[in-house]
């Protein structure tokens, strides 16, 4: 099971702020890796270790197809790391979630306020969604 560092709230906020102006790039700052980078910052656990190293949209699509999309990847990672799934209404700060974004499912993370979900934006940085739109959620730490 993954554990959060004692100062995880500050690390969560710092990681989100640090990536706030990063350009969207498959294999570096996309909906999956951006969230996994934030989790890495406040837990030390690299949930995306098995997926890192791909380049470009075509490679990302192949990985998504092979694993059943974003939901399939999130479910497999949660199972591998023994991360419990929780009811979407119980998602808290730092929990990894699935939301709708631009007509697709996207991986996101609940922000430090607990009221918004943050996900990588195609225009770069982050896009936010209300927590009411969470479709699935996993408790980190």
N, C-alpha and C. Protein backbone atom coordinates (compact mmCIF):
# COMPACT_ATOMS: atom_id res chain seq x y z
N UNK A 1 0.83 -1.19 0.00
CA UNK A 1 0.00 0.00 0.00
C UNK A 1 0.88 1.25 0.00
N UNK A 2 0.41 2.25 -0.64
CA UNK A 2 1.14 3.51 -0.75
C UNK A 2 0.85 4.39 0.47
N UNK A 3 1.88 5.05 0.93
CA UNK A 3 1.75 5.96 2.07
C UNK A 3 2.11 7.38 1.64
N UNK A 4 1.42 8.33 2.19
CA UNK A 4 1.72 9.74 1.93
C UNK A 4 2.82 10.20 2.88
N UNK A 5 3.68 11.10 2.41
CA UNK A 5 4.67 11.72 3.29
C UNK A 5 3.92 12.56 4.32
N UNK A 6 4.56 12.82 5.47
CA UNK A 6 3.90 13.60 6.51
C UNK A 6 3.50 14.98 6.03
N UNK A 7 4.31 15.57 5.19
CA UNK A 7 4.02 16.92 4.68
C UNK A 7 3.33 16.87 3.31
N UNK A 8 2.53 15.83 3.10
CA UNK A 8 1.91 15.60 1.79
C UNK A 8 1.05 16.76 1.29
N UNK A 9 0.30 17.47 2.16
CA UNK A 9 -0.51 18.56 1.60
C UNK A 9 0.34 19.63 0.89
N UNK A 10 1.47 19.98 1.49
CA UNK A 10 2.35 20.96 0.87
C UNK A 10 2.95 20.40 -0.42
N UNK A 11 3.34 19.14 -0.40
CA UNK A 11 3.91 18.52 -1.60
C UNK A 11 2.88 18.43 -2.73
N UNK A 12 1.63 18.13 -2.37
CA UNK A 12 0.56 18.08 -3.37
C UNK A 12 0.40 19.45 -4.03
N UNK A 13 0.29 20.48 -3.21
CA UNK A 13 0.15 21.83 -3.75
C UNK A 13 1.35 22.26 -4.57
N UNK A 14 2.56 21.96 -4.08
CA UNK A 14 3.77 22.33 -4.81
C UNK A 14 3.86 21.62 -6.16
N UNK A 15 3.52 20.34 -6.19
CA UNK A 15 3.58 19.57 -7.44
C UNK A 15 2.58 20.10 -8.46
N UNK A 16 1.39 20.44 -8.00
CA UNK A 16 0.39 21.00 -8.91
C UNK A 16 0.85 22.36 -9.43
N UNK A 17 1.40 23.19 -8.55
CA UNK A 17 1.87 24.51 -8.97
C UNK A 17 3.04 24.40 -9.94
N UNK A 18 3.95 23.46 -9.69
CA UNK A 18 5.13 23.31 -10.54
C UNK A 18 4.76 22.91 -11.96
N UNK A 19 3.68 22.16 -12.11
CA UNK A 19 3.27 21.71 -13.44
C UNK A 19 2.20 22.61 -14.04
N UNK A 20 1.89 23.70 -13.39
CA UNK A 20 0.82 24.57 -13.82
C UNK A 20 0.98 25.18 -15.19
N UNK A 21 2.21 25.31 -15.66
CA UNK A 21 2.42 25.88 -16.99
C UNK A 21 3.15 24.91 -17.94
N UNK A 22 3.21 23.64 -17.56
CA UNK A 22 3.86 22.66 -18.45
C UNK A 22 3.01 22.42 -19.68
N UNK A 23 3.63 22.36 -20.84
CA UNK A 23 2.86 22.07 -22.05
C UNK A 23 2.40 20.61 -22.06
N UNK A 24 1.24 20.38 -22.64
CA UNK A 24 0.75 19.01 -22.80
C UNK A 24 1.66 18.30 -23.79
N UNK A 25 2.14 17.13 -23.41
CA UNK A 25 2.97 16.33 -24.30
C UNK A 25 2.81 14.86 -23.94
N UNK A 26 2.37 14.07 -24.91
CA UNK A 26 2.23 12.64 -24.66
C UNK A 26 3.59 12.06 -24.26
N UNK A 27 3.57 11.29 -23.20
CA UNK A 27 4.79 10.68 -22.70
C UNK A 27 5.53 11.52 -21.68
N UNK A 28 5.09 12.76 -21.47
CA UNK A 28 5.71 13.63 -20.47
C UNK A 28 4.69 14.27 -19.55
N UNK A 29 3.73 15.00 -20.13
CA UNK A 29 2.69 15.67 -19.33
C UNK A 29 1.36 15.47 -20.04
N UNK A 30 0.81 14.27 -19.86
CA UNK A 30 -0.50 13.94 -20.41
C UNK A 30 -1.39 13.56 -19.24
N UNK A 31 -2.62 13.16 -19.51
CA UNK A 31 -3.56 12.98 -18.40
C UNK A 31 -3.12 11.91 -17.41
N UNK A 32 -2.42 10.90 -17.87
CA UNK A 32 -1.98 9.85 -16.95
C UNK A 32 -0.68 10.22 -16.24
N UNK A 33 0.33 10.59 -17.01
CA UNK A 33 1.64 10.86 -16.41
C UNK A 33 1.64 12.08 -15.50
N UNK A 34 0.88 13.11 -15.85
CA UNK A 34 0.83 14.30 -15.01
C UNK A 34 0.31 13.96 -13.61
N UNK A 35 -0.75 13.17 -13.55
CA UNK A 35 -1.31 12.77 -12.25
C UNK A 35 -0.34 11.87 -11.50
N UNK A 36 0.27 10.92 -12.21
CA UNK A 36 1.24 10.03 -11.56
C UNK A 36 2.44 10.80 -11.05
N UNK A 37 2.86 11.86 -11.74
CA UNK A 37 3.96 12.70 -11.26
C UNK A 37 3.59 13.40 -9.96
N UNK A 38 2.34 13.85 -9.86
CA UNK A 38 1.90 14.50 -8.63
C UNK A 38 1.87 13.48 -7.48
N UNK A 39 1.35 12.30 -7.74
CA UNK A 39 1.33 11.25 -6.70
C UNK A 39 2.75 10.91 -6.27
N UNK A 40 3.67 10.82 -7.22
CA UNK A 40 5.07 10.55 -6.91
C UNK A 40 5.62 11.62 -5.97
N UNK A 41 5.26 12.87 -6.20
CA UNK A 41 5.77 13.97 -5.37
C UNK A 41 5.33 13.88 -3.92
N UNK A 42 4.12 13.38 -3.66
CA UNK A 42 3.68 13.37 -2.25
C UNK A 42 3.66 11.98 -1.61
N UNK A 43 4.06 10.94 -2.39
CA UNK A 43 4.15 9.59 -1.81
C UNK A 43 5.51 8.94 -2.03
N UNK A 44 6.22 9.34 -3.05
CA UNK A 44 7.47 8.67 -3.43
C UNK A 44 7.24 7.44 -4.28
N UNK A 45 5.99 7.10 -4.59
CA UNK A 45 5.66 5.91 -5.39
C UNK A 45 5.37 6.33 -6.83
N UNK A 46 6.09 5.71 -7.77
CA UNK A 46 5.88 6.02 -9.18
C UNK A 46 4.89 5.03 -9.77
N UNK A 47 3.64 5.41 -9.80
CA UNK A 47 2.58 4.54 -10.30
C UNK A 47 2.70 4.28 -11.79
N UNK A 48 3.40 5.15 -12.50
CA UNK A 48 3.52 5.02 -13.96
C UNK A 48 4.84 4.40 -14.40
N UNK A 49 5.59 3.82 -13.48
CA UNK A 49 6.91 3.29 -13.82
C UNK A 49 6.86 2.32 -15.00
N UNK A 50 5.82 1.50 -15.07
CA UNK A 50 5.71 0.51 -16.15
C UNK A 50 5.29 1.12 -17.48
N UNK A 51 4.85 2.36 -17.48
CA UNK A 51 4.33 2.99 -18.69
C UNK A 51 5.22 4.10 -19.24
N UNK A 52 6.17 4.57 -18.45
CA UNK A 52 6.99 5.70 -18.88
C UNK A 52 7.87 5.32 -20.08
N UNK A 53 8.23 6.33 -20.85
CA UNK A 53 9.14 6.13 -21.96
C UNK A 53 8.48 6.16 -23.34
N UNK A 54 7.16 6.22 -23.39
CA UNK A 54 6.53 6.30 -24.71
C UNK A 54 6.60 7.73 -25.22
N UNK A 55 6.54 7.85 -26.55
CA UNK A 55 6.64 9.18 -27.16
C UNK A 55 5.53 9.34 -28.20
N UNK A 56 4.81 10.42 -28.09
CA UNK A 56 3.83 10.76 -29.10
C UNK A 56 2.44 10.18 -28.88
N UNK A 57 1.50 10.76 -29.63
CA UNK A 57 0.09 10.38 -29.51
C UNK A 57 -0.16 8.95 -29.96
N UNK A 58 0.52 8.50 -31.01
CA UNK A 58 0.29 7.14 -31.50
C UNK A 58 0.70 6.11 -30.45
N UNK A 59 1.82 6.32 -29.81
CA UNK A 59 2.28 5.39 -28.76
C UNK A 59 1.31 5.42 -27.58
N UNK A 60 0.83 6.60 -27.22
CA UNK A 60 -0.14 6.71 -26.12
C UNK A 60 -1.41 5.96 -26.47
N UNK A 61 -1.89 6.11 -27.70
CA UNK A 61 -3.11 5.39 -28.11
C UNK A 61 -2.92 3.88 -28.06
N UNK A 62 -1.76 3.40 -28.46
CA UNK A 62 -1.48 1.95 -28.40
C UNK A 62 -1.53 1.44 -26.97
N UNK A 63 -0.91 2.18 -26.06
CA UNK A 63 -0.91 1.78 -24.64
C UNK A 63 -2.34 1.80 -24.10
N UNK A 64 -3.07 2.84 -24.41
CA UNK A 64 -4.45 2.93 -23.93
C UNK A 64 -5.29 1.78 -24.48
N UNK A 65 -5.16 1.50 -25.75
CA UNK A 65 -5.93 0.40 -26.35
C UNK A 65 -5.56 -0.94 -25.72
N UNK A 66 -4.29 -1.18 -25.52
CA UNK A 66 -3.82 -2.44 -24.95
C UNK A 66 -4.33 -2.66 -23.52
N UNK A 67 -4.57 -1.59 -22.80
CA UNK A 67 -4.96 -1.71 -21.38
C UNK A 67 -6.40 -1.33 -21.10
N UNK A 68 -7.20 -1.14 -22.12
CA UNK A 68 -8.61 -0.83 -21.89
C UNK A 68 -8.87 0.62 -21.58
N UNK A 69 -8.08 1.52 -22.14
CA UNK A 69 -8.28 2.95 -21.94
C UNK A 69 -7.78 3.45 -20.60
N UNK A 70 -8.08 4.70 -20.33
CA UNK A 70 -7.63 5.33 -19.09
C UNK A 70 -8.19 4.59 -17.88
N UNK A 71 -9.44 4.19 -17.95
CA UNK A 71 -10.05 3.47 -16.82
C UNK A 71 -9.34 2.12 -16.61
N UNK A 72 -9.04 1.43 -17.69
CA UNK A 72 -8.34 0.15 -17.58
C UNK A 72 -6.96 0.29 -16.97
N UNK A 73 -6.23 1.31 -17.40
CA UNK A 73 -4.89 1.56 -16.85
C UNK A 73 -5.00 1.91 -15.36
N UNK A 74 -5.92 2.80 -15.01
CA UNK A 74 -6.08 3.20 -13.61
C UNK A 74 -6.45 2.00 -12.74
N UNK A 75 -7.33 1.16 -13.23
CA UNK A 75 -7.75 -0.03 -12.47
C UNK A 75 -6.58 -0.99 -12.29
N UNK A 76 -5.80 -1.21 -13.35
CA UNK A 76 -4.66 -2.13 -13.26
C UNK A 76 -3.59 -1.60 -12.31
N UNK A 77 -3.31 -0.31 -12.38
CA UNK A 77 -2.32 0.28 -11.47
C UNK A 77 -2.80 0.18 -10.03
N UNK A 78 -4.07 0.47 -9.80
CA UNK A 78 -4.62 0.39 -8.44
C UNK A 78 -4.50 -1.04 -7.90
N UNK A 79 -4.81 -2.00 -8.73
CA UNK A 79 -4.72 -3.39 -8.29
C UNK A 79 -3.28 -3.76 -7.97
N UNK A 80 -2.37 -3.39 -8.84
CA UNK A 80 -0.95 -3.72 -8.65
C UNK A 80 -0.40 -3.12 -7.36
N UNK A 81 -0.81 -1.90 -7.04
CA UNK A 81 -0.29 -1.20 -5.87
C UNK A 81 -1.21 -1.29 -4.66
N UNK A 82 -2.25 -2.12 -4.78
CA UNK A 82 -3.22 -2.31 -3.68
C UNK A 82 -3.81 -0.98 -3.21
N UNK A 83 -4.23 -0.18 -4.18
CA UNK A 83 -4.87 1.11 -3.90
C UNK A 83 -6.38 0.87 -3.91
N UNK A 84 -7.04 1.11 -2.79
CA UNK A 84 -8.48 0.82 -2.74
C UNK A 84 -9.32 1.82 -3.52
N UNK A 85 -10.33 1.29 -4.19
CA UNK A 85 -11.30 2.15 -4.86
C UNK A 85 -12.33 2.59 -3.83
N UNK A 86 -12.74 3.84 -3.93
CA UNK A 86 -13.74 4.39 -3.02
C UNK A 86 -14.90 4.95 -3.84
N UNK A 87 -16.02 5.13 -3.21
CA UNK A 87 -17.16 5.75 -3.86
C UNK A 87 -16.75 7.14 -4.33
N UNK A 88 -17.13 7.55 -5.54
CA UNK A 88 -16.75 8.87 -6.04
C UNK A 88 -17.08 10.02 -5.09
N UNK A 89 -18.18 9.91 -4.37
CA UNK A 89 -18.56 10.96 -3.43
C UNK A 89 -17.67 11.05 -2.21
N UNK A 90 -16.82 10.05 -2.01
CA UNK A 90 -15.91 10.04 -0.86
C UNK A 90 -14.49 10.45 -1.22
N UNK A 91 -14.25 10.82 -2.48
CA UNK A 91 -12.91 11.23 -2.89
C UNK A 91 -12.46 12.45 -2.10
N UNK A 92 -11.19 12.41 -1.69
CA UNK A 92 -10.62 13.47 -0.87
C UNK A 92 -9.38 14.04 -1.54
N UNK A 93 -8.83 15.07 -0.93
CA UNK A 93 -7.60 15.69 -1.43
C UNK A 93 -6.54 14.63 -1.73
N UNK A 94 -5.94 14.71 -2.92
CA UNK A 94 -4.86 13.79 -3.27
C UNK A 94 -5.31 12.46 -3.83
N UNK A 95 -6.61 12.18 -3.84
CA UNK A 95 -7.08 10.92 -4.42
C UNK A 95 -7.09 11.01 -5.94
N UNK A 96 -6.80 9.88 -6.58
CA UNK A 96 -6.80 9.80 -8.03
C UNK A 96 -8.21 9.45 -8.49
N UNK A 97 -8.66 10.11 -9.54
CA UNK A 97 -10.05 9.96 -9.98
C UNK A 97 -10.14 9.90 -11.51
N UNK A 98 -11.30 9.45 -11.97
CA UNK A 98 -11.65 9.49 -13.38
C UNK A 98 -12.75 10.53 -13.54
N UNK A 99 -12.56 11.43 -14.52
CA UNK A 99 -13.56 12.44 -14.85
C UNK A 99 -13.75 12.48 -16.36
N UNK A 100 -14.83 13.10 -16.79
CA UNK A 100 -15.01 13.37 -18.21
C UNK A 100 -14.27 14.65 -18.55
N UNK A 101 -13.51 14.59 -19.66
CA UNK A 101 -12.79 15.78 -20.12
C UNK A 101 -12.80 15.78 -21.63
N UNK A 102 -13.35 16.79 -22.21
CA UNK A 102 -13.39 16.91 -23.67
C UNK A 102 -14.03 15.70 -24.34
N UNK A 103 -15.05 15.14 -23.70
CA UNK A 103 -15.76 14.00 -24.27
C UNK A 103 -15.11 12.65 -24.04
N UNK A 104 -13.98 12.62 -23.35
CA UNK A 104 -13.28 11.37 -23.04
C UNK A 104 -13.14 11.22 -21.53
N UNK A 105 -12.74 10.03 -21.12
CA UNK A 105 -12.40 9.82 -19.72
C UNK A 105 -10.96 10.26 -19.51
N UNK A 106 -10.70 10.93 -18.41
CA UNK A 106 -9.35 11.41 -18.09
C UNK A 106 -9.03 11.10 -16.64
N UNK A 107 -7.76 10.88 -16.39
CA UNK A 107 -7.27 10.70 -15.03
C UNK A 107 -7.06 12.08 -14.43
N UNK A 108 -7.49 12.25 -13.21
CA UNK A 108 -7.31 13.51 -12.51
C UNK A 108 -6.95 13.25 -11.06
N UNK A 109 -6.77 14.32 -10.33
CA UNK A 109 -6.45 14.22 -8.91
C UNK A 109 -7.21 15.32 -8.18
N UNK A 110 -7.71 15.01 -6.99
CA UNK A 110 -8.46 16.00 -6.21
C UNK A 110 -7.47 17.02 -5.66
N UNK A 111 -7.77 18.29 -5.86
CA UNK A 111 -6.85 19.37 -5.51
C UNK A 111 -6.77 19.57 -4.00
N UNK A 112 -5.85 20.44 -3.54
CA UNK A 112 -5.66 20.66 -2.10
C UNK A 112 -6.89 21.18 -1.37
N UNK A 113 -7.83 21.78 -2.07
CA UNK A 113 -9.04 22.28 -1.40
C UNK A 113 -10.08 21.18 -1.21
N UNK A 114 -9.94 20.11 -1.99
CA UNK A 114 -10.92 19.02 -1.94
C UNK A 114 -12.19 19.31 -2.71
N UNK A 115 -12.24 20.45 -3.41
CA UNK A 115 -13.47 20.82 -4.10
C UNK A 115 -13.37 20.73 -5.62
N UNK A 116 -12.18 20.52 -6.15
CA UNK A 116 -11.98 20.48 -7.59
C UNK A 116 -11.09 19.29 -7.96
N UNK A 117 -11.27 18.82 -9.18
CA UNK A 117 -10.40 17.81 -9.75
C UNK A 117 -9.50 18.51 -10.75
N UNK A 118 -8.24 18.18 -10.73
CA UNK A 118 -7.26 18.75 -11.63
C UNK A 118 -6.81 17.67 -12.61
N UNK A 119 -6.78 17.99 -13.89
CA UNK A 119 -6.33 17.06 -14.93
C UNK A 119 -5.49 17.84 -15.94
N UNK A 120 -4.59 17.13 -16.62
CA UNK A 120 -3.75 17.78 -17.62
C UNK A 120 -4.62 18.34 -18.74
N UNK A 121 -4.34 19.57 -19.12
CA UNK A 121 -5.09 20.23 -20.19
C UNK A 121 -4.32 20.14 -21.50
N UNK A 122 -5.04 19.90 -22.59
CA UNK A 122 -4.37 19.83 -23.90
C UNK A 122 -3.69 21.15 -24.27
N UNK A 123 -4.17 22.24 -23.73
CA UNK A 123 -3.56 23.54 -23.98
C UNK A 123 -2.34 23.76 -23.09
N UNK A 124 -2.06 22.82 -22.18
CA UNK A 124 -0.96 22.93 -21.24
C UNK A 124 -1.46 23.20 -19.84
N UNK A 125 -0.64 22.90 -18.88
CA UNK A 125 -1.01 23.10 -17.48
C UNK A 125 -2.15 22.19 -17.06
N UNK A 126 -3.08 22.77 -16.32
CA UNK A 126 -4.18 22.00 -15.74
C UNK A 126 -5.53 22.56 -16.17
N UNK A 127 -6.51 21.69 -16.19
CA UNK A 127 -7.90 22.06 -16.32
C UNK A 127 -8.59 21.54 -15.07
N UNK A 128 -9.60 22.23 -14.58
CA UNK A 128 -10.28 21.75 -13.38
C UNK A 128 -11.72 21.38 -13.69
N UNK A 129 -12.21 20.46 -12.89
CA UNK A 129 -13.60 20.02 -12.97
C UNK A 129 -14.12 19.94 -11.53
N UNK A 130 -15.42 20.10 -11.33
CA UNK A 130 -15.97 19.94 -9.97
C UNK A 130 -15.90 18.49 -9.53
N UNK A 131 -15.74 18.28 -8.24
CA UNK A 131 -15.68 16.92 -7.72
C UNK A 131 -16.99 16.18 -7.95
N UNK A 132 -18.06 16.90 -8.16
CA UNK A 132 -19.35 16.25 -8.42
C UNK A 132 -19.32 15.43 -9.71
N UNK A 133 -18.36 15.70 -10.58
CA UNK A 133 -18.25 14.98 -11.84
C UNK A 133 -17.37 13.74 -11.81
N UNK A 134 -16.89 13.37 -10.63
CA UNK A 134 -16.02 12.20 -10.51
C UNK A 134 -16.82 10.94 -10.84
N UNK A 135 -16.24 10.11 -11.70
CA UNK A 135 -16.88 8.85 -12.11
C UNK A 135 -16.37 7.67 -11.28
N UNK A 136 -15.08 7.66 -10.99
CA UNK A 136 -14.47 6.62 -10.15
C UNK A 136 -13.35 7.27 -9.35
N UNK A 137 -13.00 6.66 -8.22
CA UNK A 137 -11.97 7.26 -7.36
C UNK A 137 -11.18 6.19 -6.62
N UNK A 138 -9.90 6.49 -6.38
CA UNK A 138 -9.02 5.59 -5.64
C UNK A 138 -8.32 6.38 -4.54
N UNK A 139 -8.31 5.82 -3.35
CA UNK A 139 -7.73 6.47 -2.17
C UNK A 139 -6.21 6.30 -2.18
N UNK A 140 -5.50 7.40 -2.23
CA UNK A 140 -4.05 7.37 -2.20
C UNK A 140 -3.59 7.61 -0.77
N UNK A 141 -2.99 6.59 -0.19
CA UNK A 141 -2.43 6.68 1.15
C UNK A 141 -3.40 6.60 2.28
